[in-house]
Amino acid sequence: MKIKKITDDLHEGYKLTNQEMNDLNLKGKVAVITGGAGIICSEMAKSLSQQGVKTAILDLNRDAAVRVAKTIEKEIKSQCIGLAANVLDKKSLEDAKDEINRIFGPVDILVNGAGGNSPAATTKVEKIEGSEDPADTFFGLQIEGFDKVFDLNVKGTIIPTMVFAVDMVKKRSGVIINISSMNSYRPLTKIAAYSAAKASVNNLTQWLAVHFSKTGIRVNAIAPGFLLTNQNRFLLVDEKTGESTPRGRKIINNTPMERYGTAEELTGTLLYLASDLSRFVTGVVIPVDGGFSAYSGV
C-alpha cells in the first residue's frame, strides 16, 4: 500500500468552540519551541499561534526557523520569530532567550521538541539468530551514535529547560511540555538508543514535575504514535518504490486505527497541556497513538 494512501483518509480536525477557546486562556502568552522548524513542532507552533500565543521558533537551521515564523505571521497574523539555537549549547540558548525577552517578554511555555534518531544507533536486523553479520546486530552499533541520540533527546531537553524555566520560576507560573515517543513505553526493535533516550525523557518529565511543583510550573509530555518524519522515513518507506517496508506494515497492522498519525493530531493534547484546562495535571506522559499502546496484536 502506498504511504500517501495510508495518510490521505483523515477526518477533519476537531474544531474548538468559542467557549473552549476562551477557556484555554493562552492569548498573549509567550512560547518557545525547540526543533520548531520540524514537521511536528512547526505544526505545534501554528496551533499555539492560532490561540494568540507569541511564539519563538528555535532551530539549528536559522533559515528554516525564519521561514516557519514568516508563514505563521502571514497566515495567522500572530507574532512569531525564528531564531537559530542549538539545544546542546547553553550559550546559544541564552542568547536566544535574551532576544525573546527583548521582543516578547518573559517565557510562559516551553515545548522541548528537538530530538531524533541516528542510523548509527540502529540495528539492521530485529533479532539475532546467530548467522548474521555482527555488524548488522547490537554488536555493530556505534557508541558515537548512542551519544548523539542521548545528547539530542535527553540533554536537548535538560539544557533548554535550564535556560527558559528561569523566567517561569520568577513569575511563579509556566508550562513545560516535552516530546516523548511510544518507544518510551515499549522499546521497538532496531532503535535501541532512541527507545532508551525517550524512556529517559519520561523519567525526567516526572522528576522535573516534582521538582518544580511548588513554583507554579507544570511539566508534562506528549508521546506521539507513528508519524512519518525525516527521522524515521528510512525505516518505514522503501525509497525506491514508495511502498511500506515490512516494518511499516507491522506498524499499520498493530495500530487499531490502521494508519499513521499526523502532526495536526497532536495539537489538541498540546493545547490542553499548555492551557488552564490542565491546571491540576503535572508529571504525566500522554500517548497520542491511534490505539497502538492498547493493542496486544490479537
C-alpha atoms as a PDB file:
ATOM      1  CA  MET A   1       0.000   0.000   0.000  1.00  0.00           C
ATOM      2  CA  LYS A   2       1.316   3.448  -0.908  1.00  0.00           C
ATOM      3  CA  ILE A   3       2.220   5.615   2.079  1.00  0.00           C
ATOM      4  CA  LYS A   4       0.219   8.520   0.653  1.00  0.00           C
ATOM      5  CA  LYS A   5      -2.947   6.418   0.627  1.00  0.00           C
ATOM      6  CA  ILE A   6      -2.402   5.454   4.273  1.00  0.00           C
ATOM      7  CA  THR A   7      -2.429   9.080   5.382  1.00  0.00           C
ATOM      8  CA  ASP A   8      -4.971  10.516   2.932  1.00  0.00           C
ATOM      9  CA  ASP A   9      -8.179   9.273   4.528  1.00  0.00           C
ATOM     10  CA  LEU A  10      -8.239  11.528   7.592  1.00  0.00           C
ATOM     11  CA  HIS A  11     -11.161  13.103   9.380  1.00  0.00           C
ATOM     12  CA  GLU A  12     -11.418  16.871   9.569  1.00  0.00           C
ATOM     13  CA  GLY A  13      -9.569  18.200  12.613  1.00  0.00           C
ATOM     14  CA  TYR A  14     -11.571  18.831  15.774  1.00  0.00           C
ATOM     15  CA  LYS A  15     -12.716  22.454  15.913  1.00  0.00           C
ATOM     16  CA  LEU A  16     -12.727  24.211  19.278  1.00  0.00           C
ATOM     17  CA  THR A  17     -15.845  26.188  20.177  1.00  0.00           C
ATOM     18  CA  ASN A  18     -15.536  29.859  21.106  1.00  0.00           C
ATOM     19  CA  GLN A  19     -16.155  28.991  24.753  1.00  0.00           C
ATOM     20  CA  GLU A  20     -13.435  26.329  24.689  1.00  0.00           C
ATOM     21  CA  MET A  21     -11.023  28.783  23.088  1.00  0.00           C
ATOM     22  CA  ASN A  22     -11.729  31.266  25.870  1.00  0.00           C
ATOM     23  CA  ASP A  23     -11.142  28.556  28.470  1.00  0.00           C
ATOM     24  CA  LEU A  24      -7.677  27.906  27.045  1.00  0.00           C
ATOM     25  CA  ASN A  25      -6.587  31.318  28.356  1.00  0.00           C
ATOM     26  CA  LEU A  26      -3.475  31.383  26.147  1.00  0.00           C
ATOM     27  CA  LYS A  27      -3.765  34.735  24.394  1.00  0.00           C
ATOM     28  CA  GLY A  28      -0.710  36.908  24.996  1.00  0.00           C
ATOM     29  CA  LYS A  29       1.417  34.085  26.414  1.00  0.00           C
ATOM     30  CA  VAL A  30       4.994  33.638  25.168  1.00  0.00           C
ATOM     31  CA  ALA A  31       6.034  30.200  23.914  1.00  0.00           C
ATOM     32  CA  VAL A  32       9.422  28.808  22.908  1.00  0.00           C
ATOM     33  CA  ILE A  33       9.541  25.719  20.704  1.00  0.00           C
ATOM     34  CA  THR A  34      12.851  23.934  20.128  1.00  0.00           C
ATOM     35  CA  GLY A  35      13.198  21.976  16.917  1.00  0.00           C
ATOM     36  CA  GLY A  36      10.484  24.361  15.785  1.00  0.00           C
ATOM     37  CA  ALA A  37      11.137  24.070  12.059  1.00  0.00           C
ATOM     38  CA  GLY A  38      10.441  20.321  12.037  1.00  0.00           C
ATOM     39  CA  ILE A  39       7.246  18.642  10.858  1.00  0.00           C
ATOM     40  CA  ILE A  40       5.738  18.134  14.307  1.00  0.00           C
ATOM     41  CA  CYS A  41       6.907  21.275  16.057  1.00  0.00           C
ATOM     42  CA  SER A  42       6.109  23.696  13.245  1.00  0.00           C
ATOM     43  CA  GLU A  43       2.524  22.445  13.411  1.00  0.00           C
ATOM     44  CA  MET A  44       2.555  22.918  17.187  1.00  0.00           C
ATOM     45  CA  ALA A  45       3.820  26.464  16.700  1.00  0.00           C
ATOM     46  CA  LYS A  46       0.947  27.188  14.302  1.00  0.00           C
ATOM     47  CA  SER A  47      -1.562  25.759  16.758  1.00  0.00           C
ATOM     48  CA  LEU A  48      -0.307  27.920  19.625  1.00  0.00           C
ATOM     49  CA  SER A  49      -0.199  30.974  17.378  1.00  0.00           C
ATOM     50  CA  GLN A  50      -3.841  30.439  16.438  1.00  0.00           C
ATOM     51  CA  GLN A  51      -4.643  30.899  20.139  1.00  0.00           C
ATOM     52  CA  GLY A  52      -2.886  34.265  20.254  1.00  0.00           C
ATOM     53  CA  VAL A  53       0.383  32.973  21.683  1.00  0.00           C
ATOM     54  CA  LYS A  54       3.526  34.936  20.792  1.00  0.00           C
ATOM     55  CA  THR A  55       5.795  32.168  19.511  1.00  0.00           C
ATOM     56  CA  ALA A  56       9.550  31.808  19.136  1.00  0.00           C
ATOM     57  CA  ILE A  57      10.737  29.105  16.740  1.00  0.00           C
ATOM     58  CA  LEU A  58      14.205  27.802  17.666  1.00  0.00           C
ATOM     59  CA  ASP A  59      16.080  25.541  15.287  1.00  0.00           C
ATOM     60  CA  LEU A  60      19.635  24.716  14.275  1.00  0.00           C
ATOM     61  CA  ASN A  61      18.648  25.840  10.791  1.00  0.00           C
ATOM     62  CA  ARG A  62      18.027  29.574  11.109  1.00  0.00           C
ATOM     63  CA  ASP A  63      16.620  29.925   7.592  1.00  0.00           C
ATOM     64  CA  ALA A  64      14.077  27.170   8.236  1.00  0.00           C
ATOM     65  CA  ALA A  65      13.075  28.743  11.566  1.00  0.00           C
ATOM     66  CA  VAL A  66      12.598  32.142   9.948  1.00  0.00           C
ATOM     67  CA  ARG A  67      10.581  30.574   7.115  1.00  0.00           C
ATOM     68  CA  VAL A  68       8.163  28.933   9.562  1.00  0.00           C
ATOM     69  CA  ALA A  69       7.849  32.159  11.559  1.00  0.00           C
ATOM     70  CA  LYS A  70       7.119  34.254   8.463  1.00  0.00           C
ATOM     71  CA  THR A  71       4.491  31.750   7.317  1.00  0.00           C
ATOM     72  CA  ILE A  72       2.776  31.910  10.697  1.00  0.00           C
ATOM     73  CA  GLU A  73       2.810  35.710  10.735  1.00  0.00           C
ATOM     74  CA  LYS A  74       1.408  35.850   7.207  1.00  0.00           C
ATOM     75  CA  GLU A  75      -1.270  33.178   7.528  1.00  0.00           C
ATOM     76  CA  ILE A  76      -2.297  33.527  11.178  1.00  0.00           C
ATOM     77  CA  LYS A  77      -1.465  37.195  11.777  1.00  0.00           C
ATOM     78  CA  SER A  78       0.181  36.302  15.088  1.00  0.00           C
ATOM     79  CA  GLN A  79       3.551  37.484  16.367  1.00  0.00           C
ATOM     80  CA  CYS A  80       6.230  34.900  15.664  1.00  0.00           C
ATOM     81  CA  ILE A  81      10.004  34.988  15.357  1.00  0.00           C
ATOM     82  CA  GLY A  82      12.523  32.438  14.109  1.00  0.00           C
ATOM     83  CA  LEU A  83      15.932  32.161  15.730  1.00  0.00           C
ATOM     84  CA  ALA A  84      18.969  29.925  15.402  1.00  0.00           C
ATOM     85  CA  ALA A  85      19.803  27.946  18.531  1.00  0.00           C
ATOM     86  CA  ASN A  86      21.499  24.687  19.423  1.00  0.00           C
ATOM     87  CA  VAL A  87      19.779  22.781  22.246  1.00  0.00           C
ATOM     88  CA  LEU A  88      23.180  21.357  23.249  1.00  0.00           C
ATOM     89  CA  ASP A  89      24.813  24.791  23.503  1.00  0.00           C
ATOM     90  CA  LYS A  90      23.636  26.693  26.586  1.00  0.00           C
ATOM     91  CA  LYS A  91      25.166  29.969  25.412  1.00  0.00           C
ATOM     92  CA  SER A  92      23.260  29.903  22.126  1.00  0.00           C
ATOM     93  CA  LEU A  93      20.030  29.266  24.054  1.00  0.00           C
ATOM     94  CA  GLU A  94      20.788  32.105  26.467  1.00  0.00           C
ATOM     95  CA  ASP A  95      21.397  34.429  23.515  1.00  0.00           C
ATOM     96  CA  ALA A  96      18.060  33.352  22.024  1.00  0.00           C
ATOM     97  CA  LYS A  97      16.348  33.919  25.371  1.00  0.00           C
ATOM     98  CA  ASP A  98      17.728  37.451  25.576  1.00  0.00           C
ATOM     99  CA  GLU A  99      16.270  38.196  22.139  1.00  0.00           C
ATOM    100  CA  ILE A 100      12.913  36.608  23.006  1.00  0.00           C
ATOM    101  CA  ASN A 101      12.700  38.541  26.267  1.00  0.00           C
ATOM    102  CA  ARG A 102      13.550  41.767  24.457  1.00  0.00           C
ATOM    103  CA  ILE A 103      10.851  41.283  21.808  1.00  0.00           C
ATOM    104  CA  PHE A 104       8.113  39.375  23.641  1.00  0.00           C
ATOM    105  CA  GLY A 105       8.893  39.424  27.356  1.00  0.00           C
ATOM    106  CA  PRO A 106       9.256  36.510  29.826  1.00  0.00           C
ATOM    107  CA  VAL A 107       8.633  32.959  28.615  1.00  0.00           C
ATOM    108  CA  ASP A 108       5.433  31.203  29.733  1.00  0.00           C
ATOM    109  CA  ILE A 109       5.530  27.968  27.713  1.00  0.00           C
ATOM    110  CA  LEU A 110       8.440  25.766  26.648  1.00  0.00           C
ATOM    111  CA  VAL A 111       7.983  22.925  24.179  1.00  0.00           C
ATOM    112  CA  ASN A 112      11.089  20.724  24.122  1.00  0.00           C
ATOM    113  CA  GLY A 113      10.627  19.403  20.609  1.00  0.00           C
ATOM    114  CA  ALA A 114      14.190  18.911  19.410  1.00  0.00           C
ATOM    115  CA  GLY A 115      15.051  15.224  19.116  1.00  0.00           C
ATOM    116  CA  GLY A 116      15.589  12.373  16.723  1.00  0.00           C
ATOM    117  CA  ASN A 117      17.283   9.080  15.950  1.00  0.00           C
ATOM    118  CA  SER A 118      20.508   8.136  14.173  1.00  0.00           C
ATOM    119  CA  PRO A 119      21.211   5.293  11.719  1.00  0.00           C
ATOM    120  CA  ALA A 120      24.489   4.768  13.604  1.00  0.00           C
ATOM    121  CA  ALA A 121      22.454   3.679  16.656  1.00  0.00           C
ATOM    122  CA  THR A 122      20.033   1.489  14.674  1.00  0.00           C
ATOM    123  CA  THR A 123      20.472  -2.222  14.008  1.00  0.00           C
ATOM    124  CA  LYS A 124      19.750  -3.681  10.574  1.00  0.00           C
ATOM    125  CA  VAL A 125      18.118  -6.827  11.976  1.00  0.00           C
ATOM    126  CA  GLU A 126      15.374  -7.081  14.577  1.00  0.00           C
ATOM    127  CA  LYS A 127      16.540 -10.257  16.349  1.00  0.00           C
ATOM    128  CA  ILE A 128      19.846 -12.068  16.402  1.00  0.00           C
ATOM    129  CA  GLU A 129      19.623 -15.639  15.080  1.00  0.00           C
ATOM    130  CA  GLY A 130      23.357 -16.318  15.039  1.00  0.00           C
ATOM    131  CA  SER A 131      24.155 -16.382  11.340  1.00  0.00           C
ATOM    132  CA  GLU A 132      24.051 -12.634  10.667  1.00  0.00           C
ATOM    133  CA  ASP A 133      26.971 -10.347  10.141  1.00  0.00           C
ATOM    134  CA  PRO A 134      27.672  -8.992  13.656  1.00  0.00           C
ATOM    135  CA  ALA A 135      27.831  -5.518  12.138  1.00  0.00           C
ATOM    136  CA  ASP A 136      24.091  -5.752  11.433  1.00  0.00           C
ATOM    137  CA  THR A 137      23.234  -6.542  15.073  1.00  0.00           C
ATOM    138  CA  PHE A 138      23.623  -4.981  18.518  1.00  0.00           C
ATOM    139  CA  PHE A 139      27.370  -5.604  18.252  1.00  0.00           C
ATOM    140  CA  GLY A 140      27.601  -3.267  15.274  1.00  0.00           C
ATOM    141  CA  LEU A 141      26.016  -0.281  16.993  1.00  0.00           C
ATOM    142  CA  GLN A 142      28.288   2.719  17.293  1.00  0.00           C
ATOM    143  CA  ILE A 143      28.766   4.304  20.702  1.00  0.00           C
ATOM    144  CA  GLU A 144      29.065   7.644  18.920  1.00  0.00           C
ATOM    145  CA  GLY A 145      25.542   7.047  17.618  1.00  0.00           C
ATOM    146  CA  PHE A 146      24.271   6.412  21.148  1.00  0.00           C
ATOM    147  CA  ASP A 147      25.990   9.589  22.324  1.00  0.00           C
ATOM    148  CA  LYS A 148      24.338  11.606  19.561  1.00  0.00           C
ATOM    149  CA  VAL A 149      20.855  10.237  20.255  1.00  0.00           C
ATOM    150  CA  PHE A 150      21.078  10.605  24.046  1.00  0.00           C
ATOM    151  CA  ASP A 151      22.577  14.069  23.807  1.00  0.00           C
ATOM    152  CA  LEU A 152      19.913  15.322  21.410  1.00  0.00           C
ATOM    153  CA  ASN A 153      16.896  13.821  23.179  1.00  0.00           C
ATOM    154  CA  VAL A 154      17.910  13.979  26.844  1.00  0.00           C
ATOM    155  CA  LYS A 155      20.415  16.810  27.153  1.00  0.00           C
ATOM    156  CA  GLY A 156      18.416  18.590  24.458  1.00  0.00           C
ATOM    157  CA  THR A 157      15.514  18.598  26.916  1.00  0.00           C
ATOM    158  CA  ILE A 158      17.544  19.392  30.029  1.00  0.00           C
ATOM    159  CA  ILE A 159      19.538  22.374  28.754  1.00  0.00           C
ATOM    160  CA  PRO A 160      16.633  24.395  27.256  1.00  0.00           C
ATOM    161  CA  THR A 161      14.684  23.784  30.471  1.00  0.00           C
ATOM    162  CA  MET A 162      17.604  25.149  32.494  1.00  0.00           C
ATOM    163  CA  VAL A 163      17.594  28.299  30.368  1.00  0.00           C
ATOM    164  CA  PHE A 164      13.908  29.082  29.794  1.00  0.00           C
ATOM    165  CA  ALA A 165      12.391  27.889  33.081  1.00  0.00           C
ATOM    166  CA  VAL A 166      14.246  30.716  34.835  1.00  0.00           C
ATOM    167  CA  ASP A 167      11.539  33.122  33.645  1.00  0.00           C
ATOM    168  CA  MET A 168       8.820  30.775  34.878  1.00  0.00           C
ATOM    169  CA  VAL A 169      10.257  30.473  38.373  1.00  0.00           C
ATOM    170  CA  LYS A 170      10.413  34.264  38.619  1.00  0.00           C
ATOM    171  CA  LYS A 171       6.763  34.543  37.515  1.00  0.00           C
ATOM    172  CA  ARG A 172       5.680  31.574  39.670  1.00  0.00           C
ATOM    173  CA  SER A 173       3.878  30.105  36.668  1.00  0.00           C
ATOM    174  CA  GLY A 174       4.688  28.265  33.475  1.00  0.00           C
ATOM    175  CA  VAL A 175       4.284  25.146  31.402  1.00  0.00           C
ATOM    176  CA  ILE A 176       6.950  22.776  30.083  1.00  0.00           C
ATOM    177  CA  ILE A 177       5.913  20.169  27.518  1.00  0.00           C
ATOM    178  CA  ASN A 178       8.425  17.520  26.490  1.00  0.00           C
ATOM    179  CA  ILE A 179       8.088  15.409  23.370  1.00  0.00           C
ATOM    180  CA  SER A 180       8.474  11.720  24.130  1.00  0.00           C
ATOM    181  CA  SER A 181       7.539   8.706  21.981  1.00  0.00           C
ATOM    182  CA  MET A 182       5.625   5.444  22.132  1.00  0.00           C
ATOM    183  CA  ASN A 183       9.070   3.808  22.095  1.00  0.00           C
ATOM    184  CA  SER A 184       9.429   5.010  25.676  1.00  0.00           C
ATOM    185  CA  TYR A 185       6.705   2.607  26.886  1.00  0.00           C
ATOM    186  CA  ARG A 186       7.632  -0.475  24.888  1.00  0.00           C
ATOM    187  CA  PRO A 187      11.001  -0.400  23.133  1.00  0.00           C
ATOM    188  CA  LEU A 188      10.813  -1.106  19.433  1.00  0.00           C
ATOM    189  CA  THR A 189      13.288  -3.385  17.720  1.00  0.00           C
ATOM    190  CA  LYS A 190      16.283  -1.885  15.938  1.00  0.00           C
ATOM    191  CA  ILE A 191      16.210   1.558  17.608  1.00  0.00           C
ATOM    192  CA  ALA A 192      17.866   0.790  20.933  1.00  0.00           C
ATOM    193  CA  ALA A 193      19.266   4.253  21.618  1.00  0.00           C
ATOM    194  CA  TYR A 194      16.130   6.176  20.659  1.00  0.00           C
ATOM    195  CA  SER A 195      13.859   3.974  22.784  1.00  0.00           C
ATOM    196  CA  ALA A 196      16.125   4.263  25.819  1.00  0.00           C
ATOM    197  CA  ALA A 197      16.557   8.022  25.354  1.00  0.00           C
ATOM    198  CA  LYS A 198      12.808   8.648  25.171  1.00  0.00           C
ATOM    199  CA  ALA A 199      12.280   6.484  28.275  1.00  0.00           C
ATOM    200  CA  SER A 200      14.747   8.821  29.949  1.00  0.00           C
ATOM    201  CA  VAL A 201      12.659  11.801  28.803  1.00  0.00           C
ATOM    202  CA  ASN A 202       9.616  10.264  30.527  1.00  0.00           C
ATOM    203  CA  ASN A 203      11.527   9.808  33.765  1.00  0.00           C
ATOM    204  CA  LEU A 204      12.960  13.313  33.539  1.00  0.00           C
ATOM    205  CA  THR A 205       9.464  14.708  32.956  1.00  0.00           C
ATOM    206  CA  GLN A 206       8.261  13.149  36.193  1.00  0.00           C
ATOM    207  CA  TRP A 207      11.333  14.296  38.105  1.00  0.00           C
ATOM    208  CA  LEU A 208      11.004  17.873  36.884  1.00  0.00           C
ATOM    209  CA  ALA A 209       7.268  17.910  37.675  1.00  0.00           C
ATOM    210  CA  VAL A 210       8.015  17.106  41.307  1.00  0.00           C
ATOM    211  CA  HIS A 211      10.998  19.443  41.498  1.00  0.00           C
ATOM    212  CA  PHE A 212       9.004  22.410  40.156  1.00  0.00           C
ATOM    213  CA  SER A 213       5.731  21.523  41.887  1.00  0.00           C
ATOM    214  CA  LYS A 214       5.839  24.420  44.375  1.00  0.00           C
ATOM    215  CA  THR A 215       6.804  27.058  41.805  1.00  0.00           C
ATOM    216  CA  GLY A 216       3.613  27.077  39.734  1.00  0.00           C
ATOM    217  CA  ILE A 217       5.367  25.303  36.847  1.00  0.00           C
ATOM    218  CA  ARG A 218       3.759  22.196  35.382  1.00  0.00           C
ATOM    219  CA  VAL A 219       5.827  19.650  33.432  1.00  0.00           C
ATOM    220  CA  ASN A 220       4.215  17.053  31.172  1.00  0.00           C
ATOM    221  CA  ALA A 221       4.995  15.187  27.959  1.00  0.00           C
ATOM    222  CA  ILE A 222       3.302  14.020  24.787  1.00  0.00           C
ATOM    223  CA  ALA A 223       4.145  10.574  23.390  1.00  0.00           C
ATOM    224  CA  PRO A 224       3.259  10.548  19.688  1.00  0.00           C
ATOM    225  CA  GLY A 225       2.451   7.302  17.975  1.00  0.00           C
ATOM    226  CA  PHE A 226       3.715   6.697  14.487  1.00  0.00           C
ATOM    227  CA  LEU A 227       4.034   9.660  12.177  1.00  0.00           C
ATOM    228  CA  LEU A 228       6.154   9.777   9.052  1.00  0.00           C
ATOM    229  CA  THR A 229       9.051  12.138   9.772  1.00  0.00           C
ATOM    230  CA  ASN A 230      12.503  12.778   8.370  1.00  0.00           C
ATOM    231  CA  GLN A 231      13.944  10.739  11.247  1.00  0.00           C
ATOM    232  CA  ASN A 232      12.008   7.505  10.649  1.00  0.00           C
ATOM    233  CA  ARG A 233      11.202   7.552   6.938  1.00  0.00           C
ATOM    234  CA  PHE A 234      14.268   5.466   6.076  1.00  0.00           C
ATOM    235  CA  LEU A 235      12.885   2.662   8.273  1.00  0.00           C
ATOM    236  CA  LEU A 236       9.243   2.780   7.155  1.00  0.00           C
ATOM    237  CA  VAL A 237       9.282   3.580   3.446  1.00  0.00           C
ATOM    238  CA  ASP A 238      11.145   1.835   0.627  1.00  0.00           C
ATOM    239  CA  GLU A 239      12.911   4.751  -1.035  1.00  0.00           C
ATOM    240  CA  LYS A 240      12.875   3.026  -4.442  1.00  0.00           C
ATOM    241  CA  THR A 241       9.211   2.004  -4.595  1.00  0.00           C
ATOM    242  CA  GLY A 242       7.495   4.324  -2.111  1.00  0.00           C
ATOM    243  CA  GLU A 243       5.808   1.271  -0.592  1.00  0.00           C
ATOM    244  CA  SER A 244       5.728   0.427   3.103  1.00  0.00           C
ATOM    245  CA  THR A 245       8.662  -1.618   4.307  1.00  0.00           C
ATOM    246  CA  PRO A 246       7.879  -4.807   6.268  1.00  0.00           C
ATOM    247  CA  ARG A 247       8.422  -2.711   9.421  1.00  0.00           C
ATOM    248  CA  GLY A 248       5.983  -0.085   8.172  1.00  0.00           C
ATOM    249  CA  ARG A 249       3.348  -2.759   7.523  1.00  0.00           C
ATOM    250  CA  LYS A 250       3.824  -4.102  11.054  1.00  0.00           C
ATOM    251  CA  ILE A 251       3.152  -0.662  12.470  1.00  0.00           C
ATOM    252  CA  ILE A 252      -0.049  -0.176  10.493  1.00  0.00           C
ATOM    253  CA  ASN A 253      -1.247  -3.679  11.375  1.00  0.00           C
ATOM    254  CA  ASN A 254      -0.650  -3.045  15.079  1.00  0.00           C
ATOM    255  CA  THR A 255      -2.264   0.392  15.160  1.00  0.00           C
ATOM    256  CA  PRO A 256      -6.014  -0.154  15.654  1.00  0.00           C
ATOM    257  CA  MET A 257      -6.829   2.982  13.606  1.00  0.00           C
ATOM    258  CA  GLU A 258      -4.762   1.408  10.784  1.00  0.00           C
ATOM    259  CA  ARG A 259      -2.872   4.490   9.656  1.00  0.00           C
ATOM    260  CA  TYR A 260      -0.107   6.859  10.606  1.00  0.00           C
ATOM    261  CA  GLY A 261      -0.972   9.908  12.633  1.00  0.00           C
ATOM    262  CA  THR A 262      -0.458  13.480  11.508  1.00  0.00           C
ATOM    263  CA  ALA A 263       1.273  16.355  13.260  1.00  0.00           C
ATOM    264  CA  GLU A 264      -2.055  18.219  13.441  1.00  0.00           C
ATOM    265  CA  GLU A 265      -3.494  15.427  15.565  1.00  0.00           C
ATOM    266  CA  LEU A 266      -1.024  16.173  18.356  1.00  0.00           C
ATOM    267  CA  THR A 267      -2.137  19.763  18.764  1.00  0.00           C
ATOM    268  CA  GLY A 268      -5.278  19.092  20.797  1.00  0.00           C
ATOM    269  CA  THR A 269      -3.203  17.473  23.514  1.00  0.00           C
ATOM    270  CA  LEU A 270      -0.638  20.270  23.230  1.00  0.00           C
ATOM    271  CA  LEU A 271      -3.281  22.967  23.795  1.00  0.00           C
ATOM    272  CA  TYR A 272      -4.793  21.021  26.675  1.00  0.00           C
ATOM    273  CA  LEU A 273      -1.441  20.727  28.455  1.00  0.00           C
ATOM    274  CA  ALA A 274      -0.467  24.332  27.727  1.00  0.00           C
ATOM    275  CA  SER A 275      -3.735  25.788  28.979  1.00  0.00           C
ATOM    276  CA  ASP A 276      -5.550  26.202  32.270  1.00  0.00           C
ATOM    277  CA  LEU A 277      -7.774  23.270  31.318  1.00  0.00           C
ATOM    278  CA  SER A 278      -4.979  21.057  32.715  1.00  0.00           C
ATOM    279  CA  ARG A 279      -4.027  23.245  35.680  1.00  0.00           C
ATOM    280  CA  PHE A 280      -4.022  20.230  38.067  1.00  0.00           C
ATOM    281  CA  VAL A 281      -2.106  17.998  35.643  1.00  0.00           C
ATOM    282  CA  THR A 282       1.644  17.569  36.039  1.00  0.00           C
ATOM    283  CA  GLY A 283       4.117  14.720  35.662  1.00  0.00           C
ATOM    284  CA  VAL A 284       2.137  12.778  33.048  1.00  0.00           C
ATOM    285  CA  VAL A 285       3.035  11.433  29.614  1.00  0.00           C
ATOM    286  CA  ILE A 286       0.036  11.322  27.285  1.00  0.00           C
ATOM    287  CA  PRO A 287       0.032   8.886  24.338  1.00  0.00           C
ATOM    288  CA  VAL A 288      -1.449  10.110  21.062  1.00  0.00           C
ATOM    289  CA  ASP A 289      -1.065   6.887  19.164  1.00  0.00           C
ATOM    290  CA  GLY A 290      -4.183   5.657  17.362  1.00  0.00           C
ATOM    291  CA  GLY A 291      -4.571   2.896  19.947  1.00  0.00           C
ATOM    292  CA  PHE A 292      -1.117   1.338  19.476  1.00  0.00           C
ATOM    293  CA  SER A 293      -0.425   1.133  23.212  1.00  0.00           C
ATOM    294  CA  ALA A 294      -3.785  -0.548  23.860  1.00  0.00           C
ATOM    295  CA  TYR A 295      -3.442  -3.318  21.277  1.00  0.00           C
ATOM    296  CA  SER A 296      -1.904  -6.707  22.040  1.00  0.00           C
ATOM    297  CA  GLY A 297      -1.787  -7.772  18.392  1.00  0.00           C
ATOM    298  CA  VAL A 298      -4.581 -10.308  18.931  1.00  0.00           C
END
